[in-house]
Structure formats: structure tokens, C-alpha cells
Amino acid sequence: MSDTPTPDFSGLEGGEEQQAQDAVREVVNWYNARIIKERRAPLPDEDRIEELKAGRQAALADQAQLATAGPEETGRIAALYAARLKELNES
């Protein structure tokens, strides 16, 4: 379990769109940190790095989708990424 607290985006201004952007950004940041950590390991696991990069790419694709997403899709992405961030931080 990580010592990093799970962010609560509910108090942020900007509504669900901003919450979704923030949640996706936090997930991307999580992947970036793990990729860097794995690359700096004495024996980097290339398969793990590729897995992390694929997860990051999927998050970036969803982040791009937010630009044209309607309220329902935005809410779905916000909830999905808040849950994903919690899961990633607990792993």
C-alpha cells in the first residue's frame, strides 16, 4: 500500500470536466513515476515498462477524449479514473 493519500477531487472547482481532467492527470503521473522507477532499477524489466507505457497511453487517449466528451461521458471518465487511481495507489 502506498503512503500517498488518494486525492479527493470533489471540492475542486470546474465541475466534472475538471475533476475528470485531474483524475486522468494523476493516473498519468502515477504511470510516469513507475516508468522512471523501473528504468532506473539495476535490472529494468522491459515487459513491465511496456505494460506501464500502455497504461499511460490509454489514459492519455481518454484525456484527449475529454475535449469532446459530453457530461455523461465526462462523468464516466471521472469515476473510472478516480477508482483506477485508488486501485493503483493500493497496489
PDB file of N, CA and C in Angstrom:
ATOM      1  N   MET A   1       0.845  -1.187   0.000  1.00  0.00           N
ATOM      2  CA  MET A   1       0.000   0.000   0.000  1.00  0.00           C
ATOM      3  C   MET A   1       0.877   1.232   0.000  1.00  0.00           C
ATOM      4  N   SER A   2       0.506   2.209  -0.749  1.00  0.00           N
ATOM      5  CA  SER A   2       1.293   3.421  -0.890  1.00  0.00           C
ATOM      6  C   SER A   2       1.006   4.371   0.256  1.00  0.00           C
ATOM      7  N   ASP A   3       2.006   5.191   0.590  1.00  0.00           N
ATOM      8  CA  ASP A   3       1.817   6.222   1.604  1.00  0.00           C
ATOM      9  C   ASP A   3       1.151   7.454   1.028  1.00  0.00           C
ATOM     10  N   THR A   4       0.968   7.481  -0.289  1.00  0.00           N
ATOM     11  CA  THR A   4       0.362   8.618  -0.955  1.00  0.00           C
ATOM     12  C   THR A   4      -1.147   8.575  -0.760  1.00  0.00           C
ATOM     13  N   PRO A   5      -1.729   9.634  -0.175  1.00  0.00           N
ATOM     14  CA  PRO A   5      -3.191   9.633   0.001  1.00  0.00           C
ATOM     15  C   PRO A   5      -3.890   9.746  -1.351  1.00  0.00           C
ATOM     16  N   THR A   6      -5.058   9.134  -1.432  1.00  0.00           N
ATOM     17  CA  THR A   6      -5.852   9.228  -2.643  1.00  0.00           C
ATOM     18  C   THR A   6      -6.478  10.614  -2.712  1.00  0.00           C
ATOM     19  N   PRO A   7      -6.248  11.327  -3.802  1.00  0.00           N
ATOM     20  CA  PRO A   7      -6.811  12.676  -3.914  1.00  0.00           C
ATOM     21  C   PRO A   7      -8.338  12.650  -3.951  1.00  0.00           C
ATOM     22  N   ASP A   8      -8.928  13.649  -3.325  1.00  0.00           N
ATOM     23  CA  ASP A   8     -10.371  13.821  -3.370  1.00  0.00           C
ATOM     24  C   ASP A   8     -10.642  15.018  -4.264  1.00  0.00           C
ATOM     25  N   PHE A   9     -11.195  14.757  -5.439  1.00  0.00           N
ATOM     26  CA  PHE A   9     -11.420  15.816  -6.415  1.00  0.00           C
ATOM     27  C   PHE A   9     -12.772  16.502  -6.233  1.00  0.00           C
ATOM     28  N   SER A  10     -13.564  16.077  -5.258  1.00  0.00           N
ATOM     29  CA  SER A  10     -14.925  16.584  -5.135  1.00  0.00           C
ATOM     30  C   SER A  10     -14.991  18.072  -4.782  1.00  0.00           C
ATOM     31  N   GLY A  11     -13.973  18.600  -4.126  1.00  0.00           N
ATOM     32  CA  GLY A  11     -14.012  20.001  -3.737  1.00  0.00           C
ATOM     33  C   GLY A  11     -13.426  20.961  -4.760  1.00  0.00           C
ATOM     34  N   LEU A  12     -12.946  20.443  -5.847  1.00  0.00           N
ATOM     35  CA  LEU A  12     -12.327  21.295  -6.853  1.00  0.00           C
ATOM     36  C   LEU A  12     -13.368  22.038  -7.670  1.00  0.00           C
ATOM     37  N   GLU A  13     -12.993  23.225  -8.090  1.00  0.00           N
ATOM     38  CA  GLU A  13     -13.877  23.984  -8.956  1.00  0.00           C
ATOM     39  C   GLU A  13     -13.730  23.489 -10.383  1.00  0.00           C
ATOM     40  N   GLY A  14     -14.714  23.762 -11.210  1.00  0.00           N
ATOM     41  CA  GLY A  14     -14.632  23.388 -12.607  1.00  0.00           C
ATOM     42  C   GLY A  14     -15.546  22.243 -12.953  1.00  0.00           C
ATOM     43  N   GLY A  15     -16.266  21.719 -11.982  1.00  0.00           N
ATOM     44  CA  GLY A  15     -17.222  20.672 -12.254  1.00  0.00           C
ATOM     45  C   GLY A  15     -16.576  19.357 -12.642  1.00  0.00           C
ATOM     46  N   GLU A  16     -17.401  18.492 -13.227  1.00  0.00           N
ATOM     47  CA  GLU A  16     -16.937  17.154 -13.562  1.00  0.00           C
ATOM     48  C   GLU A  16     -15.841  17.156 -14.611  1.00  0.00           C
ATOM     49  N   GLU A  17     -15.867  18.106 -15.528  1.00  0.00           N
ATOM     50  CA  GLU A  17     -14.816  18.144 -16.548  1.00  0.00           C
ATOM     51  C   GLU A  17     -13.444  18.327 -15.903  1.00  0.00           C
ATOM     52  N   GLN A  18     -13.358  19.265 -14.979  1.00  0.00           N
ATOM     53  CA  GLN A  18     -12.075  19.495 -14.298  1.00  0.00           C
ATOM     54  C   GLN A  18     -11.711  18.300 -13.431  1.00  0.00           C
ATOM     55  N   GLN A  19     -12.685  17.717 -12.765  1.00  0.00           N
ATOM     56  CA  GLN A  19     -12.430  16.531 -11.945  1.00  0.00           C
ATOM     57  C   GLN A  19     -11.903  15.391 -12.797  1.00  0.00           C
ATOM     58  N   ALA A  20     -12.505  15.213 -13.961  1.00  0.00           N
ATOM     59  CA  ALA A  20     -12.062  14.153 -14.861  1.00  0.00           C
ATOM     60  C   ALA A  20     -10.638  14.422 -15.337  1.00  0.00           C
ATOM     61  N   GLN A  21     -10.358  15.658 -15.742  1.00  0.00           N
ATOM     62  CA  GLN A  21      -9.008  16.017 -16.180  1.00  0.00           C
ATOM     63  C   GLN A  21      -7.991  15.760 -15.072  1.00  0.00           C
ATOM     64  N   ASP A  22      -8.327  16.169 -13.864  1.00  0.00           N
ATOM     65  CA  ASP A  22      -7.409  15.995 -12.738  1.00  0.00           C
ATOM     66  C   ASP A  22      -7.182  14.520 -12.420  1.00  0.00           C
ATOM     67  N   ALA A  23      -8.250  13.737 -12.444  1.00  0.00           N
ATOM     68  CA  ALA A  23      -8.130  12.313 -12.144  1.00  0.00           C
ATOM     69  C   ALA A  23      -7.263  11.610 -13.183  1.00  0.00           C
ATOM     70  N   VAL A  24      -7.495  11.906 -14.447  1.00  0.00           N
ATOM     71  CA  VAL A  24      -6.700  11.284 -15.516  1.00  0.00           C
ATOM     72  C   VAL A  24      -5.243  11.733 -15.384  1.00  0.00           C
ATOM     73  N   ARG A  25      -5.016  13.004 -15.121  1.00  0.00           N
ATOM     74  CA  ARG A  25      -3.650  13.521 -14.965  1.00  0.00           C
ATOM     75  C   ARG A  25      -2.926  12.806 -13.824  1.00  0.00           C
ATOM     76  N   GLU A  26      -3.610  12.571 -12.723  1.00  0.00           N
ATOM     77  CA  GLU A  26      -2.994  11.857 -11.591  1.00  0.00           C
ATOM     78  C   GLU A  26      -2.610  10.435 -11.974  1.00  0.00           C
ATOM     79  N   VAL A  27      -3.456   9.772 -12.755  1.00  0.00           N
ATOM     80  CA  VAL A  27      -3.148   8.417 -13.210  1.00  0.00           C
ATOM     81  C   VAL A  27      -1.938   8.448 -14.148  1.00  0.00           C
ATOM     82  N   VAL A  28      -1.902   9.400 -15.065  1.00  0.00           N
ATOM     83  CA  VAL A  28      -0.752   9.536 -15.970  1.00  0.00           C
ATOM     84  C   VAL A  28       0.514   9.774 -15.150  1.00  0.00           C
ATOM     85  N   ASN A  29       0.432  10.630 -14.150  1.00  0.00           N
ATOM     86  CA  ASN A  29       1.591  10.893 -13.287  1.00  0.00           C
ATOM     87  C   ASN A  29       2.040   9.633 -12.554  1.00  0.00           C
ATOM     88  N   TRP A  30       1.086   8.813 -12.110  1.00  0.00           N
ATOM     89  CA  TRP A  30       1.412   7.548 -11.445  1.00  0.00           C
ATOM     90  C   TRP A  30       2.209   6.669 -12.402  1.00  0.00           C
ATOM     91  N   TYR A  31       1.715   6.541 -13.636  1.00  0.00           N
ATOM     92  CA  TYR A  31       2.433   5.726 -14.621  1.00  0.00           C
ATOM     93  C   TYR A  31       3.813   6.299 -14.900  1.00  0.00           C
ATOM     94  N   ASN A  32       3.926   7.606 -15.068  1.00  0.00           N
ATOM     95  CA  ASN A  32       5.227   8.227 -15.328  1.00  0.00           C
ATOM     96  C   ASN A  32       6.227   7.912 -14.217  1.00  0.00           C
ATOM     97  N   ALA A  33       5.795   8.026 -12.978  1.00  0.00           N
ATOM     98  CA  ALA A  33       6.684   7.755 -11.843  1.00  0.00           C
ATOM     99  C   ALA A  33       7.142   6.298 -11.830  1.00  0.00           C
ATOM    100  N   ARG A  34       6.218   5.376 -12.130  1.00  0.00           N
ATOM    101  CA  ARG A  34       6.586   3.947 -12.134  1.00  0.00           C
ATOM    102  C   ARG A  34       7.512   3.607 -13.295  1.00  0.00           C
ATOM    103  N   ILE A  35       7.297   4.244 -14.432  1.00  0.00           N
ATOM    104  CA  ILE A  35       8.176   4.017 -15.591  1.00  0.00           C
ATOM    105  C   ILE A  35       9.593   4.475 -15.253  1.00  0.00           C
ATOM    106  N   ILE A  36       9.715   5.649 -14.680  1.00  0.00           N
ATOM    107  CA  ILE A  36      11.029   6.167 -14.300  1.00  0.00           C
ATOM    108  C   ILE A  36      11.693   5.246 -13.284  1.00  0.00           C
ATOM    109  N   LYS A  37      10.939   4.828 -12.282  1.00  0.00           N
ATOM    110  CA  LYS A  37      11.478   3.939 -11.252  1.00  0.00           C
ATOM    111  C   LYS A  37      11.971   2.628 -11.868  1.00  0.00           C
ATOM    112  N   GLU A  38      11.185   2.061 -12.769  1.00  0.00           N
ATOM    113  CA  GLU A  38      11.561   0.801 -13.396  1.00  0.00           C
ATOM    114  C   GLU A  38      12.795   0.975 -14.281  1.00  0.00           C
ATOM    115  N   ARG A  39      12.870   2.066 -15.014  1.00  0.00           N
ATOM    116  CA  ARG A  39      14.034   2.312 -15.876  1.00  0.00           C
ATOM    117  C   ARG A  39      15.307   2.497 -15.074  1.00  0.00           C
ATOM    118  N   ARG A  40      15.187   3.012 -13.856  1.00  0.00           N
ATOM    119  CA  ARG A  40      16.359   3.251 -13.003  1.00  0.00           C
ATOM    120  C   ARG A  40      16.749   2.028 -12.185  1.00  0.00           C
ATOM    121  N   ALA A  41      15.943   0.980 -12.243  1.00  0.00           N
ATOM    122  CA  ALA A  41      16.250  -0.235 -11.489  1.00  0.00           C
ATOM    123  C   ALA A  41      17.544  -0.855 -12.009  1.00  0.00           C
ATOM    124  N   PRO A  42      18.287  -1.544 -11.141  1.00  0.00           N
ATOM    125  CA  PRO A  42      19.523  -2.185 -11.590  1.00  0.00           C
ATOM    126  C   PRO A  42      19.308  -3.115 -12.783  1.00  0.00           C
ATOM    127  N   LEU A  43      18.198  -3.822 -12.797  1.00  0.00           N
ATOM    128  CA  LEU A  43      17.827  -4.698 -13.906  1.00  0.00           C
ATOM    129  C   LEU A  43      16.408  -4.354 -14.343  1.00  0.00           C
ATOM    130  N   PRO A  44      16.256  -3.318 -15.179  1.00  0.00           N
ATOM    131  CA  PRO A  44      14.904  -2.913 -15.599  1.00  0.00           C
ATOM    132  C   PRO A  44      14.149  -4.059 -16.281  1.00  0.00           C
ATOM    133  N   ASP A  45      12.895  -4.182 -15.932  1.00  0.00           N
ATOM    134  CA  ASP A  45      12.017  -5.190 -16.534  1.00  0.00           C
ATOM    135  C   ASP A  45      11.337  -4.536 -17.742  1.00  0.00           C
ATOM    136  N   GLU A  46      11.825  -4.860 -18.935  1.00  0.00           N
ATOM    137  CA  GLU A  46      11.311  -4.232 -20.157  1.00  0.00           C
ATOM    138  C   GLU A  46       9.838  -4.553 -20.383  1.00  0.00           C
ATOM    139  N   ASP A  47       9.403  -5.746 -20.012  1.00  0.00           N
ATOM    140  CA  ASP A  47       7.985  -6.098 -20.160  1.00  0.00           C
ATOM    141  C   ASP A  47       7.127  -5.214 -19.255  1.00  0.00           C
ATOM    142  N   ARG A  48       7.600  -4.991 -18.043  1.00  0.00           N
ATOM    143  CA  ARG A  48       6.868  -4.134 -17.102  1.00  0.00           C
ATOM    144  C   ARG A  48       6.831  -2.694 -17.620  1.00  0.00           C
ATOM    145  N   ILE A  49       7.936  -2.233 -18.165  1.00  0.00           N
ATOM    146  CA  ILE A  49       7.976  -0.883 -18.719  1.00  0.00           C
ATOM    147  C   ILE A  49       6.963  -0.748 -19.853  1.00  0.00           C
ATOM    148  N   GLU A  50       6.898  -1.736 -20.717  1.00  0.00           N
ATOM    149  CA  GLU A  50       5.933  -1.691 -21.828  1.00  0.00           C
ATOM    150  C   GLU A  50       4.500  -1.720 -21.312  1.00  0.00           C
ATOM    151  N   GLU A  51       4.257  -2.500 -20.276  1.00  0.00           N
ATOM    152  CA  GLU A  51       2.921  -2.566 -19.661  1.00  0.00           C
ATOM    153  C   GLU A  51       2.543  -1.200 -19.085  1.00  0.00           C
ATOM    154  N   LEU A  52       3.478  -0.577 -18.394  1.00  0.00           N
ATOM    155  CA  LEU A  52       3.229   0.747 -17.816  1.00  0.00           C
ATOM    156  C   LEU A  52       3.001   1.785 -18.904  1.00  0.00           C
ATOM    157  N   LYS A  53       3.790   1.717 -19.967  1.00  0.00           N
ATOM    158  CA  LYS A  53       3.628   2.668 -21.064  1.00  0.00           C
ATOM    159  C   LYS A  53       2.276   2.497 -21.753  1.00  0.00           C
ATOM    160  N   ALA A  54       1.812   1.268 -21.873  1.00  0.00           N
ATOM    161  CA  ALA A  54       0.498   1.012 -22.481  1.00  0.00           C
ATOM    162  C   ALA A  54      -0.616   1.599 -21.604  1.00  0.00           C
ATOM    163  N   GLY A  55      -0.494   1.437 -20.286  1.00  0.00           N
ATOM    164  CA  GLY A  55      -1.478   2.016 -19.372  1.00  0.00           C
ATOM    165  C   GLY A  55      -1.492   3.523 -19.444  1.00  0.00           C
ATOM    166  N   ARG A  56      -0.306   4.103 -19.524  1.00  0.00           N
ATOM    167  CA  ARG A  56      -0.206   5.555 -19.646  1.00  0.00           C
ATOM    168  C   ARG A  56      -0.819   6.034 -20.960  1.00  0.00           C
ATOM    169  N   GLN A  57      -0.555   5.311 -22.049  1.00  0.00           N
ATOM    170  CA  GLN A  57      -1.093   5.704 -23.350  1.00  0.00           C
ATOM    171  C   GLN A  57      -2.619   5.649 -23.363  1.00  0.00           C
ATOM    172  N   ALA A  58      -3.179   4.634 -22.714  1.00  0.00           N
ATOM    173  CA  ALA A  58      -4.639   4.527 -22.629  1.00  0.00           C
ATOM    174  C   ALA A  58      -5.219   5.717 -21.857  1.00  0.00           C
ATOM    175  N   ALA A  59      -4.544   6.107 -20.788  1.00  0.00           N
ATOM    176  CA  ALA A  59      -5.002   7.259 -20.008  1.00  0.00           C
ATOM    177  C   ALA A  59      -4.905   8.544 -20.826  1.00  0.00           C
ATOM    178  N   LEU A  60      -3.831   8.694 -21.583  1.00  0.00           N
ATOM    179  CA  LEU A  60      -3.689   9.883 -22.427  1.00  0.00           C
ATOM    180  C   LEU A  60      -4.758   9.926 -23.515  1.00  0.00           C
ATOM    181  N   ALA A  61      -5.130   8.769 -24.035  1.00  0.00           N
ATOM    182  CA  ALA A  61      -6.195   8.723 -25.046  1.00  0.00           C
ATOM    183  C   ALA A  61      -7.532   9.151 -24.434  1.00  0.00           C
ATOM    184  N   ASP A  62      -7.808   8.681 -23.214  1.00  0.00           N
ATOM    185  CA  ASP A  62      -9.043   9.101 -22.540  1.00  0.00           C
ATOM    186  C   ASP A  62      -9.007  10.589 -22.214  1.00  0.00           C
ATOM    187  N   GLN A  63      -7.833  11.087 -21.868  1.00  0.00           N
ATOM    188  CA  GLN A  63      -7.705  12.515 -21.581  1.00  0.00           C
ATOM    189  C   GLN A  63      -8.021  13.339 -22.828  1.00  0.00           C
ATOM    190  N   ALA A  64      -7.548  12.894 -23.981  1.00  0.00           N
ATOM    191  CA  ALA A  64      -7.842  13.596 -25.235  1.00  0.00           C
ATOM    192  C   ALA A  64      -9.327  13.533 -25.554  1.00  0.00           C
ATOM    193  N   GLN A  65      -9.956  12.421 -25.219  1.00  0.00           N
ATOM    194  CA  GLN A  65     -11.384  12.244 -25.478  1.00  0.00           C
ATOM    195  C   GLN A  65     -12.225  13.226 -24.663  1.00  0.00           C
ATOM    196  N   LEU A  66     -11.703  13.661 -23.526  1.00  0.00           N
ATOM    197  CA  LEU A  66     -12.451  14.604 -22.684  1.00  0.00           C
ATOM    198  C   LEU A  66     -12.739  15.922 -23.387  1.00  0.00           C
ATOM    199  N   ALA A  67     -11.917  16.276 -24.354  1.00  0.00           N
ATOM    200  CA  ALA A  67     -12.101  17.552 -25.054  1.00  0.00           C
ATOM    201  C   ALA A  67     -13.446  17.616 -25.766  1.00  0.00           C
ATOM    202  N   THR A  68     -13.970  16.488 -26.201  1.00  0.00           N
ATOM    203  CA  THR A  68     -15.235  16.467 -26.936  1.00  0.00           C
ATOM    204  C   THR A  68     -16.321  15.667 -26.225  1.00  0.00           C
ATOM    205  N   ALA A  69     -16.030  15.197 -25.025  1.00  0.00           N
ATOM    206  CA  ALA A  69     -16.988  14.357 -24.299  1.00  0.00           C
ATOM    207  C   ALA A  69     -18.150  15.175 -23.756  1.00  0.00           C
ATOM    208  N   GLY A  70     -19.310  14.571 -23.777  1.00  0.00           N
ATOM    209  CA  GLY A  70     -20.478  15.182 -23.166  1.00  0.00           C
ATOM    210  C   GLY A  70     -20.457  14.963 -21.666  1.00  0.00           C
ATOM    211  N   PRO A  71     -21.429  15.516 -20.957  1.00  0.00           N
ATOM    212  CA  PRO A  71     -21.463  15.413 -19.497  1.00  0.00           C
ATOM    213  C   PRO A  71     -21.494  13.969 -18.986  1.00  0.00           C
ATOM    214  N   GLU A  72     -22.252  13.108 -19.662  1.00  0.00           N
ATOM    215  CA  GLU A  72     -22.348  11.717 -19.214  1.00  0.00           C
ATOM    216  C   GLU A  72     -21.008  11.000 -19.358  1.00  0.00           C
ATOM    217  N   GLU A  73     -20.368  11.171 -20.507  1.00  0.00           N
ATOM    218  CA  GLU A  73     -19.069  10.544 -20.750  1.00  0.00           C
ATOM    219  C   GLU A  73     -18.006  11.125 -19.815  1.00  0.00           C
ATOM    220  N   THR A  74     -18.061  12.410 -19.578  1.00  0.00           N
ATOM    221  CA  THR A  74     -17.119  13.057 -18.670  1.00  0.00           C
ATOM    222  C   THR A  74     -17.263  12.486 -17.265  1.00  0.00           C
ATOM    223  N   GLY A  75     -18.490  12.323 -16.818  1.00  0.00           N
ATOM    224  CA  GLY A  75     -18.747  11.737 -15.500  1.00  0.00           C
ATOM    225  C   GLY A  75     -18.244  10.314 -15.402  1.00  0.00           C
ATOM    226  N   ARG A  76     -18.431   9.555 -16.475  1.00  0.00           N
ATOM    227  CA  ARG A  76     -17.964   8.167 -16.505  1.00  0.00           C
ATOM    228  C   ARG A  76     -16.436   8.119 -16.404  1.00  0.00           C
ATOM    229  N   ILE A  77     -15.758   8.986 -17.162  1.00  0.00           N
ATOM    230  CA  ILE A  77     -14.298   9.012 -17.145  1.00  0.00           C
ATOM    231  C   ILE A  77     -13.791   9.459 -15.771  1.00  0.00           C
ATOM    232  N   ALA A  78     -14.424  10.462 -15.190  1.00  0.00           N
ATOM    233  CA  ALA A  78     -14.022  10.935 -13.860  1.00  0.00           C
ATOM    234  C   ALA A  78     -14.125   9.812 -12.842  1.00  0.00           C
ATOM    235  N   ALA A  79     -15.235   9.092 -12.843  1.00  0.00           N
ATOM    236  CA  ALA A  79     -15.430   7.996 -11.889  1.00  0.00           C
ATOM    237  C   ALA A  79     -14.439   6.859 -12.149  1.00  0.00           C
ATOM    238  N   LEU A  80     -14.245   6.524 -13.412  1.00  0.00           N
ATOM    239  CA  LEU A  80     -13.321   5.454 -13.782  1.00  0.00           C
ATOM    240  C   LEU A  80     -11.907   5.757 -13.305  1.00  0.00           C
ATOM    241  N   TYR A  81     -11.442   6.976 -13.545  1.00  0.00           N
ATOM    242  CA  TYR A  81     -10.071   7.315 -13.189  1.00  0.00           C
ATOM    243  C   TYR A  81      -9.879   7.562 -11.705  1.00  0.00           C
ATOM    244  N   ALA A  82     -10.888   8.024 -11.005  1.00  0.00           N
ATOM    245  CA  ALA A  82     -10.789   8.136  -9.552  1.00  0.00           C
ATOM    246  C   ALA A  82     -10.640   6.744  -8.946  1.00  0.00           C
ATOM    247  N   ALA A  83     -11.422   5.787  -9.456  1.00  0.00           N
ATOM    248  CA  ALA A  83     -11.326   4.401  -8.977  1.00  0.00           C
ATOM    249  C   ALA A  83      -9.988   3.786  -9.380  1.00  0.00           C
ATOM    250  N   ARG A  84      -9.540   4.038 -10.602  1.00  0.00           N
ATOM    251  CA  ARG A  84      -8.269   3.483 -11.065  1.00  0.00           C
ATOM    252  C   ARG A  84      -7.110   4.022 -10.229  1.00  0.00           C
ATOM    253  N   LEU A  85      -7.138   5.312  -9.917  1.00  0.00           N
ATOM    254  CA  LEU A  85      -6.073   5.902  -9.115  1.00  0.00           C
ATOM    255  C   LEU A  85      -6.036   5.254  -7.727  1.00  0.00           C
ATOM    256  N   LYS A  86      -7.189   5.072  -7.144  1.00  0.00           N
ATOM    257  CA  LYS A  86      -7.259   4.428  -5.835  1.00  0.00           C
ATOM    258  C   LYS A  86      -6.671   3.020  -5.922  1.00  0.00           C
ATOM    259  N   GLU A  87      -7.054   2.276  -6.942  1.00  0.00           N
ATOM    260  CA  GLU A  87      -6.550   0.915  -7.134  1.00  0.00           C
ATOM    261  C   GLU A  87      -5.026   0.912  -7.340  1.00  0.00           C
ATOM    262  N   LEU A  88      -4.523   1.815  -8.165  1.00  0.00           N
ATOM    263  CA  LEU A  88      -3.086   1.875  -8.429  1.00  0.00           C
ATOM    264  C   LEU A  88      -2.312   2.219  -7.149  1.00  0.00           C
ATOM    265  N   ASN A  89      -2.824   3.132  -6.375  1.00  0.00           N
ATOM    266  CA  ASN A  89      -2.142   3.527  -5.137  1.00  0.00           C
ATOM    267  C   ASN A  89      -2.158   2.425  -4.095  1.00  0.00           C
ATOM    268  N   GLU A  90      -3.132   1.536  -4.182  1.00  0.00           N
ATOM    269  CA  GLU A  90      -3.223   0.439  -3.220  1.00  0.00           C
ATOM    270  C   GLU A  90      -2.407  -0.773  -3.660  1.00  0.00           C
ATOM    271  N   SER A  91      -1.960  -0.765  -4.915  1.00  0.00           N
ATOM    272  CA  SER A  91      -1.200  -1.923  -5.399  1.00  0.00           C
ATOM    273  C   SER A  91       0.261  -1.840  -5.073  1.00  0.00           C
TER     274      SER A  91
END
